[in-house]
Amino acid sequence: MGKVKIAISIEKEVLSEIDGMVMGKVFPNRSQAIQKAVEEKVERINKNRLAAECSKLDPQFERALAEEGLAGDIEKWPEY
């Protein structure tokens, strides 16, 4: 995946913390620190969105839907 250079505005206090992490060798540079933070935030938002959508599902309906085609086929399955 290619990288694109952008300009952002950031609070001085946050930048100071990022610089401290760079000086402490947590990240090699500011760009990578900010890149990692953005990736983690996007991942968290996507997981929360998935969890919210999953919470809307009706477990009984989903189970019935999943088992819908199994009743007729079960006799054809080999016995273990």
PDB file of N, CA and C in Angstrom:
ATOM      1  N   MET A   1       0.854  -1.171   0.000  1.00  0.00           N
ATOM      2  CA  MET A   1       0.000   0.000   0.000  1.00  0.00           C
ATOM      3  C   MET A   1       0.901   1.235   0.000  1.00  0.00           C
ATOM      4  N   GLY A   2       0.597   2.190  -0.871  1.00  0.00           N
ATOM      5  CA  GLY A   2       1.400   3.401  -0.951  1.00  0.00           C
ATOM      6  C   GLY A   2       1.084   4.379   0.157  1.00  0.00           C
ATOM      7  N   LYS A   3       2.038   5.228   0.420  1.00  0.00           N
ATOM      8  CA  LYS A   3       1.841   6.250   1.450  1.00  0.00           C
ATOM      9  C   LYS A   3       1.639   7.594   0.792  1.00  0.00           C
ATOM     10  N   VAL A   4       0.892   8.458   1.475  1.00  0.00           N
ATOM     11  CA  VAL A   4       0.603   9.796   1.000  1.00  0.00           C
ATOM     12  C   VAL A   4       0.996  10.771   2.092  1.00  0.00           C
ATOM     13  N   LYS A   5       1.644  11.839   1.714  1.00  0.00           N
ATOM     14  CA  LYS A   5       2.035  12.859   2.687  1.00  0.00           C
ATOM     15  C   LYS A   5       0.877  13.836   2.861  1.00  0.00           C
ATOM     16  N   ILE A   6       0.528  14.112   4.135  1.00  0.00           N
ATOM     17  CA  ILE A   6      -0.538  15.063   4.451  1.00  0.00           C
ATOM     18  C   ILE A   6      -0.048  16.021   5.530  1.00  0.00           C
ATOM     19  N   ALA A   7      -0.776  17.083   5.716  1.00  0.00           N
ATOM     20  CA  ALA A   7      -0.498  18.018   6.808  1.00  0.00           C
ATOM     21  C   ALA A   7      -1.661  17.942   7.787  1.00  0.00           C
ATOM     22  N   ILE A   8      -1.362  17.890   9.072  1.00  0.00           N
ATOM     23  CA  ILE A   8      -2.415  17.852  10.091  1.00  0.00           C
ATOM     24  C   ILE A   8      -2.133  18.898  11.160  1.00  0.00           C
ATOM     25  N   SER A   9      -3.157  19.228  11.895  1.00  0.00           N
ATOM     26  CA  SER A   9      -3.009  20.083  13.072  1.00  0.00           C
ATOM     27  C   SER A   9      -3.204  19.195  14.281  1.00  0.00           C
ATOM     28  N   ILE A  10      -2.380  19.394  15.289  1.00  0.00           N
ATOM     29  CA  ILE A  10      -2.435  18.539  16.485  1.00  0.00           C
ATOM     30  C   ILE A  10      -2.128  19.392  17.714  1.00  0.00           C
ATOM     31  N   GLU A  11      -2.763  19.060  18.801  1.00  0.00           N
ATOM     32  CA  GLU A  11      -2.531  19.799  20.046  1.00  0.00           C
ATOM     33  C   GLU A  11      -1.065  19.680  20.473  1.00  0.00           C
ATOM     34  N   LYS A  12      -0.532  20.757  21.017  1.00  0.00           N
ATOM     35  CA  LYS A  12       0.877  20.770  21.430  1.00  0.00           C
ATOM     36  C   LYS A  12       1.182  19.688  22.462  1.00  0.00           C
ATOM     37  N   GLU A  13       0.252  19.479  23.374  1.00  0.00           N
ATOM     38  CA  GLU A  13       0.473  18.489  24.431  1.00  0.00           C
ATOM     39  C   GLU A  13       0.571  17.077  23.846  1.00  0.00           C
ATOM     40  N   VAL A  14      -0.277  16.796  22.871  1.00  0.00           N
ATOM     41  CA  VAL A  14      -0.257  15.478  22.235  1.00  0.00           C
ATOM     42  C   VAL A  14       1.045  15.297  21.472  1.00  0.00           C
ATOM     43  N   LEU A  15       1.455  16.336  20.759  1.00  0.00           N
ATOM     44  CA  LEU A  15       2.712  16.261  20.014  1.00  0.00           C
ATOM     45  C   LEU A  15       3.893  16.060  20.958  1.00  0.00           C
ATOM     46  N   SER A  16       3.855  16.697  22.117  1.00  0.00           N
ATOM     47  CA  SER A  16       4.924  16.514  23.108  1.00  0.00           C
ATOM     48  C   SER A  16       4.982  15.060  23.571  1.00  0.00           C
ATOM     49  N   GLU A  17       3.823  14.457  23.762  1.00  0.00           N
ATOM     50  CA  GLU A  17       3.799  13.050  24.167  1.00  0.00           C
ATOM     51  C   GLU A  17       4.338  12.157  23.062  1.00  0.00           C
ATOM     52  N   ILE A  18       3.952  12.450  21.826  1.00  0.00           N
ATOM     53  CA  ILE A  18       4.467  11.675  20.698  1.00  0.00           C
ATOM     54  C   ILE A  18       5.982  11.819  20.607  1.00  0.00           C
ATOM     55  N   ASP A  19       6.472  13.050  20.743  1.00  0.00           N
ATOM     56  CA  ASP A  19       7.919  13.272  20.702  1.00  0.00           C
ATOM     57  C   ASP A  19       8.629  12.509  21.814  1.00  0.00           C
ATOM     58  N   GLY A  20       8.000  12.437  22.978  1.00  0.00           N
ATOM     59  CA  GLY A  20       8.580  11.663  24.077  1.00  0.00           C
ATOM     60  C   GLY A  20       8.670  10.183  23.737  1.00  0.00           C
ATOM     61  N   MET A  21       7.658   9.678  23.062  1.00  0.00           N
ATOM     62  CA  MET A  21       7.682   8.274  22.649  1.00  0.00           C
ATOM     63  C   MET A  21       8.753   8.024  21.596  1.00  0.00           C
ATOM     64  N   VAL A  22       8.927   8.990  20.709  1.00  0.00           N
ATOM     65  CA  VAL A  22       9.979   8.856  19.692  1.00  0.00           C
ATOM     66  C   VAL A  22      11.345   8.887  20.367  1.00  0.00           C
ATOM     67  N   MET A  23      11.526   9.803  21.306  1.00  0.00           N
ATOM     68  CA  MET A  23      12.804   9.882  22.021  1.00  0.00           C
ATOM     69  C   MET A  23      13.044   8.624  22.851  1.00  0.00           C
ATOM     70  N   GLY A  24      11.959   8.034  23.351  1.00  0.00           N
ATOM     71  CA  GLY A  24      12.067   6.811  24.145  1.00  0.00           C
ATOM     72  C   GLY A  24      12.128   5.553  23.283  1.00  0.00           C
ATOM     73  N   LYS A  25      12.238   5.738  21.982  1.00  0.00           N
ATOM     74  CA  LYS A  25      12.367   4.622  21.025  1.00  0.00           C
ATOM     75  C   LYS A  25      11.127   3.720  20.952  1.00  0.00           C
ATOM     76  N   VAL A  26       9.960   4.243  21.366  1.00  0.00           N
ATOM     77  CA  VAL A  26       8.719   3.491  21.207  1.00  0.00           C
ATOM     78  C   VAL A  26       8.357   3.462  19.726  1.00  0.00           C
ATOM     79  N   PHE A  27       8.587   4.578  19.043  1.00  0.00           N
ATOM     80  CA  PHE A  27       8.372   4.709  17.606  1.00  0.00           C
ATOM     81  C   PHE A  27       9.624   5.329  16.993  1.00  0.00           C
ATOM     82  N   PRO A  28       9.903   4.979  15.736  1.00  0.00           N
ATOM     83  CA  PRO A  28      11.105   5.540  15.113  1.00  0.00           C
ATOM     84  C   PRO A  28      10.964   7.019  14.749  1.00  0.00           C
ATOM     85  N   ASN A  29       9.715   7.476  14.524  1.00  0.00           N
ATOM     86  CA  ASN A  29       9.513   8.883  14.165  1.00  0.00           C
ATOM     87  C   ASN A  29       8.050   9.274  14.400  1.00  0.00           C
ATOM     88  N   ARG A  30       7.777  10.556  14.272  1.00  0.00           N
ATOM     89  CA  ARG A  30       6.423  11.062  14.492  1.00  0.00           C
ATOM     90  C   ARG A  30       5.421  10.419  13.534  1.00  0.00           C
ATOM     91  N   SER A  31       5.804  10.331  12.273  1.00  0.00           N
ATOM     92  CA  SER A  31       4.886   9.800  11.267  1.00  0.00           C
ATOM     93  C   SER A  31       4.409   8.405  11.618  1.00  0.00           C
ATOM     94  N   GLN A  32       5.339   7.550  12.029  1.00  0.00           N
ATOM     95  CA  GLN A  32       4.942   6.183  12.350  1.00  0.00           C
ATOM     96  C   GLN A  32       4.096   6.127  13.619  1.00  0.00           C
ATOM     97  N   ALA A  33       4.378   7.003  14.566  1.00  0.00           N
ATOM     98  CA  ALA A  33       3.564   7.053  15.785  1.00  0.00           C
ATOM     99  C   ALA A  33       2.126   7.447  15.457  1.00  0.00           C
ATOM    100  N   ILE A  34       1.973   8.473  14.635  1.00  0.00           N
ATOM    101  CA  ILE A  34       0.641   8.940  14.271  1.00  0.00           C
ATOM    102  C   ILE A  34      -0.054   7.914  13.383  1.00  0.00           C
ATOM    103  N   GLN A  35       0.681   7.304  12.453  1.00  0.00           N
ATOM    104  CA  GLN A  35       0.122   6.263  11.588  1.00  0.00           C
ATOM    105  C   GLN A  35      -0.456   5.128  12.427  1.00  0.00           C
ATOM    106  N   LYS A  36       0.308   4.659  13.411  1.00  0.00           N
ATOM    107  CA  LYS A  36      -0.143   3.558  14.263  1.00  0.00           C
ATOM    108  C   LYS A  36      -1.383   3.956  15.062  1.00  0.00           C
ATOM    109  N   ALA A  37      -1.384   5.170  15.574  1.00  0.00           N
ATOM    110  CA  ALA A  37      -2.531   5.639  16.353  1.00  0.00           C
ATOM    111  C   ALA A  37      -3.801   5.699  15.495  1.00  0.00           C
ATOM    112  N   VAL A  38      -3.669   6.183  14.284  1.00  0.00           N
ATOM    113  CA  VAL A  38      -4.824   6.272  13.384  1.00  0.00           C
ATOM    114  C   VAL A  38      -5.307   4.876  13.011  1.00  0.00           C
ATOM    115  N   GLU A  39      -4.383   3.963  12.697  1.00  0.00           N
ATOM    116  CA  GLU A  39      -4.768   2.579  12.367  1.00  0.00           C
ATOM    117  C   GLU A  39      -5.541   1.936  13.500  1.00  0.00           C
ATOM    118  N   GLU A  40      -5.041   2.093  14.724  1.00  0.00           N
ATOM    119  CA  GLU A  40      -5.711   1.486  15.879  1.00  0.00           C
ATOM    120  C   GLU A  40      -7.089   2.097  16.100  1.00  0.00           C
ATOM    121  N   LYS A  41      -7.219   3.394  15.910  1.00  0.00           N
ATOM    122  CA  LYS A  41      -8.516   4.048  16.093  1.00  0.00           C
ATOM    123  C   LYS A  41      -9.511   3.578  15.044  1.00  0.00           C
ATOM    124  N   VAL A  42      -9.087   3.494  13.791  1.00  0.00           N
ATOM    125  CA  VAL A  42      -9.968   3.021  12.719  1.00  0.00           C
ATOM    126  C   VAL A  42     -10.405   1.586  12.991  1.00  0.00           C
ATOM    127  N   GLU A  43      -9.470   0.744  13.428  1.00  0.00           N
ATOM    128  CA  GLU A  43      -9.797  -0.653  13.746  1.00  0.00           C
ATOM    129  C   GLU A  43     -10.823  -0.724  14.878  1.00  0.00           C
ATOM    130  N   ARG A  44     -10.641   0.089  15.906  1.00  0.00           N
ATOM    131  CA  ARG A  44     -11.565   0.106  17.038  1.00  0.00           C
ATOM    132  C   ARG A  44     -12.961   0.560  16.605  1.00  0.00           C
ATOM    133  N   ILE A  45     -13.022   1.583  15.764  1.00  0.00           N
ATOM    134  CA  ILE A  45     -14.317   2.063  15.276  1.00  0.00           C
ATOM    135  C   ILE A  45     -15.011   0.966  14.483  1.00  0.00           C
ATOM    136  N   ASN A  46     -14.262   0.286  13.615  1.00  0.00           N
ATOM    137  CA  ASN A  46     -14.853  -0.788  12.813  1.00  0.00           C
ATOM    138  C   ASN A  46     -15.336  -1.943  13.685  1.00  0.00           C
ATOM    139  N   LYS A  47     -14.586  -2.297  14.717  1.00  0.00           N
ATOM    140  CA  LYS A  47     -15.016  -3.370  15.619  1.00  0.00           C
ATOM    141  C   LYS A  47     -16.266  -2.965  16.376  1.00  0.00           C
ATOM    142  N   ASN A  48     -16.330  -1.719  16.820  1.00  0.00           N
ATOM    143  CA  ASN A  48     -17.516  -1.242  17.533  1.00  0.00           C
ATOM    144  C   ASN A  48     -18.731  -1.242  16.623  1.00  0.00           C
ATOM    145  N   ARG A  49     -18.533  -0.885  15.368  1.00  0.00           N
ATOM    146  CA  ARG A  49     -19.635  -0.882  14.409  1.00  0.00           C
ATOM    147  C   ARG A  49     -20.130  -2.300  14.184  1.00  0.00           C
ATOM    148  N   LEU A  50     -19.206  -3.248  14.057  1.00  0.00           N
ATOM    149  CA  LEU A  50     -19.590  -4.648  13.878  1.00  0.00           C
ATOM    150  C   LEU A  50     -20.331  -5.169  15.109  1.00  0.00           C
ATOM    151  N   ALA A  51     -19.836  -4.830  16.296  1.00  0.00           N
ATOM    152  CA  ALA A  51     -20.495  -5.262  17.527  1.00  0.00           C
ATOM    153  C   ALA A  51     -21.898  -4.674  17.629  1.00  0.00           C
ATOM    154  N   ALA A  52     -22.049  -3.426  17.230  1.00  0.00           N
ATOM    155  CA  ALA A  52     -23.364  -2.784  17.274  1.00  0.00           C
ATOM    156  C   ALA A  52     -24.328  -3.472  16.314  1.00  0.00           C
ATOM    157  N   GLU A  53     -23.850  -3.806  15.125  1.00  0.00           N
ATOM    158  CA  GLU A  53     -24.711  -4.496  14.160  1.00  0.00           C
ATOM    159  C   GLU A  53     -25.067  -5.900  14.647  1.00  0.00           C
ATOM    160  N   CYS A  54     -24.097  -6.588  15.228  1.00  0.00           N
ATOM    161  CA  CYS A  54     -24.354  -7.943  15.743  1.00  0.00           C
ATOM    162  C   CYS A  54     -25.365  -7.920  16.886  1.00  0.00           C
ATOM    163  N   SER A  55     -25.333  -6.877  17.689  1.00  0.00           N
ATOM    164  CA  SER A  55     -26.264  -6.797  18.819  1.00  0.00           C
ATOM    165  C   SER A  55     -27.711  -6.625  18.353  1.00  0.00           C
ATOM    166  N   LYS A  56     -27.901  -6.226  17.111  1.00  0.00           N
ATOM    167  CA  LYS A  56     -29.251  -6.063  16.570  1.00  0.00           C
ATOM    168  C   LYS A  56     -29.852  -7.388  16.124  1.00  0.00           C
ATOM    169  N   LEU A  57     -29.024  -8.417  15.998  1.00  0.00           N
ATOM    170  CA  LEU A  57     -29.503  -9.706  15.517  1.00  0.00           C
ATOM    171  C   LEU A  57     -30.317 -10.433  16.584  1.00  0.00           C
ATOM    172  N   ASP A  58     -31.296 -11.172  16.141  1.00  0.00           N
ATOM    173  CA  ASP A  58     -32.112 -11.996  17.028  1.00  0.00           C
ATOM    174  C   ASP A  58     -31.505 -13.399  17.038  1.00  0.00           C
ATOM    175  N   PRO A  59     -30.905 -13.827  18.166  1.00  0.00           N
ATOM    176  CA  PRO A  59     -30.228 -15.124  18.204  1.00  0.00           C
ATOM    177  C   PRO A  59     -31.120 -16.303  17.814  1.00  0.00           C
ATOM    178  N   GLN A  60     -32.376 -16.293  18.229  1.00  0.00           N
ATOM    179  CA  GLN A  60     -33.278 -17.402  17.897  1.00  0.00           C
ATOM    180  C   GLN A  60     -33.561 -17.444  16.398  1.00  0.00           C
ATOM    181  N   PHE A  61     -33.769 -16.293  15.801  1.00  0.00           N
ATOM    182  CA  PHE A  61     -34.011 -16.238  14.364  1.00  0.00           C
ATOM    183  C   PHE A  61     -32.771 -16.693  13.599  1.00  0.00           C
ATOM    184  N   GLU A  62     -31.604 -16.242  14.021  1.00  0.00           N
ATOM    185  CA  GLU A  62     -30.357 -16.610  13.352  1.00  0.00           C
ATOM    186  C   GLU A  62     -30.101 -18.112  13.446  1.00  0.00           C
ATOM    187  N   ARG A  63     -30.374 -18.703  14.597  1.00  0.00           N
ATOM    188  CA  ARG A  63     -30.201 -20.150  14.771  1.00  0.00           C
ATOM    189  C   ARG A  63     -31.168 -20.910  13.856  1.00  0.00           C
ATOM    190  N   ALA A  64     -32.427 -20.461  13.833  1.00  0.00           N
ATOM    191  CA  ALA A  64     -33.423 -21.113  12.976  1.00  0.00           C
ATOM    192  C   ALA A  64     -33.017 -21.006  11.508  1.00  0.00           C
ATOM    193  N   LEU A  65     -32.511 -19.863  11.121  1.00  0.00           N
ATOM    194  CA  LEU A  65     -32.066 -19.658   9.749  1.00  0.00           C
ATOM    195  C   LEU A  65     -30.885 -20.569   9.411  1.00  0.00           C
ATOM    196  N   ALA A  66     -29.949 -20.696  10.336  1.00  0.00           N
ATOM    197  CA  ALA A  66     -28.773 -21.533  10.123  1.00  0.00           C
ATOM    198  C   ALA A  66     -29.138 -23.010  10.035  1.00  0.00           C
ATOM    199  N   GLU A  67     -30.133 -23.412  10.795  1.00  0.00           N
ATOM    200  CA  GLU A  67     -30.518 -24.824  10.842  1.00  0.00           C
ATOM    201  C   GLU A  67     -31.602 -25.171   9.824  1.00  0.00           C
ATOM    202  N   GLU A  68     -32.082 -24.193   9.097  1.00  0.00           N
ATOM    203  CA  GLU A  68     -33.191 -24.374   8.174  1.00  0.00           C
ATOM    204  C   GLU A  68     -32.981 -25.527   7.186  1.00  0.00           C
ATOM    205  N   GLY A  69     -31.839 -25.600   6.571  1.00  0.00           N
ATOM    206  CA  GLY A  69     -31.604 -26.623   5.572  1.00  0.00           C
ATOM    207  C   GLY A  69     -31.050 -27.916   6.124  1.00  0.00           C
ATOM    208  N   LEU A  70     -30.763 -27.975   7.395  1.00  0.00           N
ATOM    209  CA  LEU A  70     -30.125 -29.148   7.974  1.00  0.00           C
ATOM    210  C   LEU A  70     -31.081 -30.308   8.226  1.00  0.00           C
ATOM    211  N   ALA A  71     -32.330 -30.022   8.493  1.00  0.00           N
ATOM    212  CA  ALA A  71     -33.277 -31.074   8.889  1.00  0.00           C
ATOM    213  C   ALA A  71     -33.403 -32.156   7.826  1.00  0.00           C
ATOM    214  N   GLY A  72     -33.557 -31.799   6.564  1.00  0.00           N
ATOM    215  CA  GLY A  72     -33.726 -32.778   5.506  1.00  0.00           C
ATOM    216  C   GLY A  72     -32.439 -33.507   5.163  1.00  0.00           C
ATOM    217  N   ASP A  73     -31.319 -32.885   5.356  1.00  0.00           N
ATOM    218  CA  ASP A  73     -30.036 -33.470   4.971  1.00  0.00           C
ATOM    219  C   ASP A  73     -29.420 -34.346   6.050  1.00  0.00           C
ATOM    220  N   ILE A  74     -29.902 -34.283   7.245  1.00  0.00           N
ATOM    221  CA  ILE A  74     -29.238 -34.961   8.363  1.00  0.00           C
ATOM    222  C   ILE A  74     -29.228 -36.482   8.189  1.00  0.00           C
ATOM    223  N   GLU A  75     -30.265 -37.025   7.517  1.00  0.00           N
ATOM    224  CA  GLU A  75     -30.297 -38.468   7.304  1.00  0.00           C
ATOM    225  C   GLU A  75     -29.196 -38.920   6.335  1.00  0.00           C
ATOM    226  N   LYS A  76     -28.759 -38.035   5.469  1.00  0.00           N
ATOM    227  CA  LYS A  76     -27.740 -38.358   4.476  1.00  0.00           C
ATOM    228  C   LYS A  76     -26.324 -38.299   5.042  1.00  0.00           C
ATOM    229  N   TRP A  77     -26.154 -37.716   6.210  1.00  0.00           N
ATOM    230  CA  TRP A  77     -24.821 -37.562   6.782  1.00  0.00           C
ATOM    231  C   TRP A  77     -24.307 -38.911   7.280  1.00  0.00           C
ATOM    232  N   PRO A  78     -23.018 -39.161   7.115  1.00  0.00           N
ATOM    233  CA  PRO A  78     -22.469 -40.427   7.611  1.00  0.00           C
ATOM    234  C   PRO A  78     -22.451 -40.436   9.148  1.00  0.00           C
ATOM    235  N   GLU A  79     -22.628 -41.614   9.694  1.00  0.00           N
ATOM    236  CA  GLU A  79     -22.624 -41.753  11.149  1.00  0.00           C
ATOM    237  C   GLU A  79     -21.178 -41.888  11.626  1.00  0.00           C
ATOM    238  N   TYR A  80     -20.856 -41.217  12.696  1.00  0.00           N
ATOM    239  CA  TYR A  80     -19.474 -41.241  13.222  1.00  0.00           C
ATOM    240  C   TYR A  80     -19.377 -42.149  14.414  1.00  0.00           C
TER     241      TYR A  80
END
